[in-house]
Protein backbone atom coordinates (compact mmCIF):
# COMPACT_ATOMS: atom_id res chain seq x y z
CA UNK A 1 -12.87 55.12 23.23
CA UNK A 2 -13.57 56.46 19.77
CA UNK A 3 -16.45 55.34 17.53
CA UNK A 4 -16.45 56.30 13.95
CA UNK A 5 -12.69 56.74 13.85
CA UNK A 6 -12.28 55.73 10.19
CA UNK A 7 -8.55 54.71 9.90
CA UNK A 8 -7.67 56.53 13.15
CA UNK A 9 -6.04 59.50 11.27
CA UNK A 10 -8.39 60.67 8.53
CA UNK A 11 -11.00 63.10 10.04
CA UNK A 12 -9.91 61.95 13.48
CA UNK A 13 -10.01 64.45 16.37
CA UNK A 14 -8.47 61.86 18.65
CA UNK A 15 -5.38 61.10 16.64
CA UNK A 16 -3.68 64.22 18.05
CA UNK A 17 -4.55 63.28 21.61
CA UNK A 18 -3.11 59.78 21.08
CA UNK A 19 0.10 61.26 19.66
CA UNK A 20 0.42 63.46 22.81
CA UNK A 21 0.44 60.50 25.24
CA UNK A 22 -3.28 60.26 25.87
CA UNK A 23 -4.46 56.82 26.52
CA UNK A 24 -7.34 55.56 24.49
CA UNK A 25 -8.48 53.33 21.69
CA UNK A 26 -10.26 53.22 18.42
CA UNK A 27 -13.15 50.70 18.68
CA UNK A 28 -11.87 48.70 21.62
CA UNK A 29 -13.86 45.95 23.08
CA UNK A 30 -12.33 46.26 26.63
CA UNK A 31 -13.22 49.95 27.67
CA UNK A 32 -11.84 49.32 31.19
CA UNK A 33 -8.22 49.35 29.62
CA UNK A 34 -8.68 52.86 28.06
CA UNK A 35 -10.95 55.10 30.01
CA UNK A 36 -9.21 58.60 29.81
CA UNK A 37 -11.02 59.64 26.57
CA UNK A 38 -14.47 58.70 25.17
CA UNK A 39 -15.35 60.00 21.79
CA UNK A 40 -18.59 59.31 19.85
CA UNK A 41 -19.62 60.32 16.38
CA UNK A 42 -22.85 58.49 15.93
CA UNK A 43 -25.00 61.09 14.25
CA UNK A 44 -28.09 59.79 15.85
CA UNK A 45 -27.31 58.45 19.28
CA UNK A 46 -25.01 61.01 20.87
CA UNK A 47 -27.01 61.40 24.03
CA UNK A 48 -27.58 57.65 24.40
CA UNK A 49 -23.76 57.05 23.98
CA UNK A 50 -23.02 59.90 26.54
CA UNK A 51 -25.34 58.37 29.03
CA UNK A 52 -23.74 54.93 28.47
CA UNK A 53 -20.02 55.98 28.54
CA UNK A 54 -20.46 58.45 31.49
CA UNK A 55 -20.42 55.46 33.78
CA UNK A 56 -16.76 54.93 32.98
CA UNK A 57 -15.80 58.29 34.44
CA UNK A 58 -13.47 59.16 31.62
CA UNK A 59 -11.56 62.38 32.08
CA UNK A 60 -12.40 63.70 28.73
CA UNK A 61 -15.60 63.30 26.67
CA UNK A 62 -15.88 64.28 23.03
CA UNK A 63 -19.40 64.35 21.75
CA UNK A 64 -20.77 65.35 18.39
CA UNK A 65 -23.72 67.68 18.25
CA UNK A 66 -25.98 69.14 15.47
CA UNK A 67 -24.36 72.54 14.67
CA UNK A 68 -27.58 73.58 12.93
CA UNK A 69 -29.59 73.84 16.33
CA UNK A 70 -29.33 77.28 17.91
CA UNK A 71 -27.48 77.69 21.13
CA UNK A 72 -30.83 78.29 23.19
CA UNK A 73 -32.54 75.20 22.02
CA UNK A 74 -32.71 72.07 24.12
CA UNK A 75 -33.22 69.21 21.70
CA UNK A 76 -32.55 65.52 22.10
CA UNK A 77 -33.54 63.38 19.17
CA UNK A 78 -35.75 60.40 19.77
CA UNK A 79 -34.07 57.09 20.45
CA UNK A 80 -34.39 55.27 17.14
CA UNK A 81 -32.00 53.71 14.65
CA UNK A 82 -34.02 55.20 11.82
CA UNK A 83 -33.77 58.89 12.97
CA UNK A 84 -30.57 60.84 12.20
CA UNK A 85 -31.07 64.36 13.58
CA UNK A 86 -28.51 64.78 16.27
CA UNK A 87 -28.86 66.67 19.59
CA UNK A 88 -28.27 70.24 20.47
CA UNK A 89 -25.17 71.42 22.27
CA UNK A 90 -27.31 72.87 25.11
CA UNK A 91 -28.84 69.47 25.74
CA UNK A 92 -25.43 67.89 25.95
CA UNK A 93 -24.18 70.74 28.28
CA UNK A 94 -27.06 70.18 30.62
CA UNK A 95 -26.62 66.34 30.64
CA UNK A 96 -22.92 66.66 31.10
CA UNK A 97 -23.35 68.95 34.16
CA UNK A 98 -25.90 66.50 35.66
CA UNK A 99 -23.31 63.71 35.37
CA UNK A 100 -20.31 65.78 36.70
CA UNK A 101 -18.83 67.10 33.51
CA UNK A 102 -18.02 70.69 32.36
CA UNK A 103 -17.72 72.04 28.73
CA UNK A 104 -14.18 73.23 27.99
CA UNK A 105 -14.07 73.56 24.18
CA UNK A 106 -16.12 73.24 21.03
CA UNK A 107 -15.28 72.82 17.42
CA UNK A 108 -17.84 73.25 14.63
CA UNK A 109 -19.75 70.19 15.68
CA UNK A 110 -17.77 68.57 18.62
CA UNK A 111 -18.04 69.41 22.31
CA UNK A 112 -15.37 68.52 24.72
CA UNK A 113 -16.23 67.92 28.38
CA UNK A 114 -13.86 67.17 31.36
CA UNK A 115 -14.68 65.89 34.75
CA UNK A 116 -15.72 68.65 37.09
CA UNK A 117 -12.68 68.36 39.14
CA UNK A 118 -10.50 68.89 36.11
CA UNK A 119 -12.25 72.11 34.94
CA UNK A 120 -10.09 74.62 36.87
CA UNK A 121 -6.91 73.52 35.00
CA UNK A 122 -8.40 75.06 31.90
CA UNK A 123 -8.49 78.71 33.25
CA UNK A 124 -11.61 79.58 31.37
CA UNK A 125 -13.30 82.88 32.36
CA UNK A 126 -16.56 81.27 31.49
CA UNK A 127 -17.70 77.95 29.87
CA UNK A 128 -21.10 79.29 28.90
CA UNK A 129 -22.32 78.01 25.58
CA UNK A 130 -22.07 81.72 24.20
CA UNK A 131 -18.38 81.95 25.36
CA UNK A 132 -17.22 78.62 23.80
CA UNK A 133 -19.42 78.22 20.67
CA UNK A 134 -20.44 80.49 17.70
CA UNK A 135 -23.20 78.53 15.87
CA UNK A 136 -22.36 77.42 12.29
CA UNK A 137 -25.80 78.68 11.38
CA UNK A 138 -28.12 80.38 13.74
CA UNK A 139 -31.48 79.71 12.02
CA UNK A 140 -34.52 81.48 13.22
CA UNK A 141 -38.14 81.34 12.14
CA UNK A 142 -40.46 84.20 13.07
CA UNK A 143 -43.59 85.90 11.61
CA UNK A 144 -44.55 89.41 10.94
CA UNK A 145 -47.70 91.13 12.19
CA UNK A 146 -49.25 90.22 8.86
CA UNK A 147 -48.49 86.43 9.34
CA UNK A 148 -45.61 86.35 6.77
CA UNK A 149 -42.95 83.78 7.95
CA UNK A 150 -39.46 84.83 7.84
CA UNK A 151 -36.41 82.38 7.96
CA UNK A 152 -33.05 84.08 8.84
CA UNK A 153 -29.62 82.84 9.64
CA UNK A 154 -30.11 79.61 7.59
CA UNK A 155 -29.86 79.91 3.92
CA UNK A 156 -29.52 76.17 3.07
CA UNK A 157 -30.09 72.69 4.45
CA UNK A 158 -26.54 71.94 5.51
CA UNK A 159 -26.28 68.35 4.80
CA UNK A 160 -28.45 68.30 1.60
CA UNK A 161 -26.92 71.70 0.40
CA UNK A 162 -30.32 72.66 -0.79
CA UNK A 163 -31.21 76.47 -0.65
CA UNK A 164 -34.11 77.61 1.46
CA UNK A 165 -35.96 80.88 1.55
CA UNK A 166 -38.69 82.37 3.53
CA UNK A 167 -41.09 81.82 0.62
CA UNK A 168 -40.72 78.09 1.14
CA UNK A 169 -42.23 78.40 4.59
CA UNK A 170 -45.45 80.28 3.85
CA UNK A 171 -48.50 78.48 5.19
CA UNK A 172 -51.01 81.21 4.28
CA UNK A 173 -51.48 82.40 0.80
CA UNK A 174 -50.34 86.13 0.34
CA UNK A 175 -54.04 87.19 0.12
CA UNK A 176 -54.57 86.01 3.66
CA UNK A 177 -51.38 87.59 5.05
CA UNK A 178 -52.48 90.97 6.55
CA UNK A 179 -52.62 92.70 9.91
CA UNK A 180 -56.07 93.26 11.28
CA UNK A 181 -55.19 96.34 13.36
CA UNK A 182 -53.49 98.22 10.39
CA UNK A 183 -54.76 101.73 10.25
């Protein structure tokens, strides 16, 4: 079942699967008829949708994640219709494993999971997050000994297309940024 399928072809990851004899549907009210593939593009409820659709035991799950969240961060956005943050790939991997699914592939912002018993058919050496996904941006924030804040790996807000710089994040004025133990 694919939510957010547009016309079923434009921007549709599922169109290729349907064309290759997968059974599925685009916004179908009777999920019991088409359970092999579940795909969701909700931008704000991916984990909620994953938890809901996992009960149908689809062979393949396609879940969107926020590609700006680094691979080592577990982040699940709060359950709210007014929040649009997305969840991290790592959070989805952990949830998938808990529910009997294994990650087999990633695109820029989509994770493909199969039922654990189908995983061996993919002949993957590893399905670790680092083997299957290179982050779109791997933003990090850290500070120097002098309390200056640095932002690396993230030059803009992806969906707003607004440039960001380390200077935008300074909480201390320059006069207060120093290292006490400097000799």
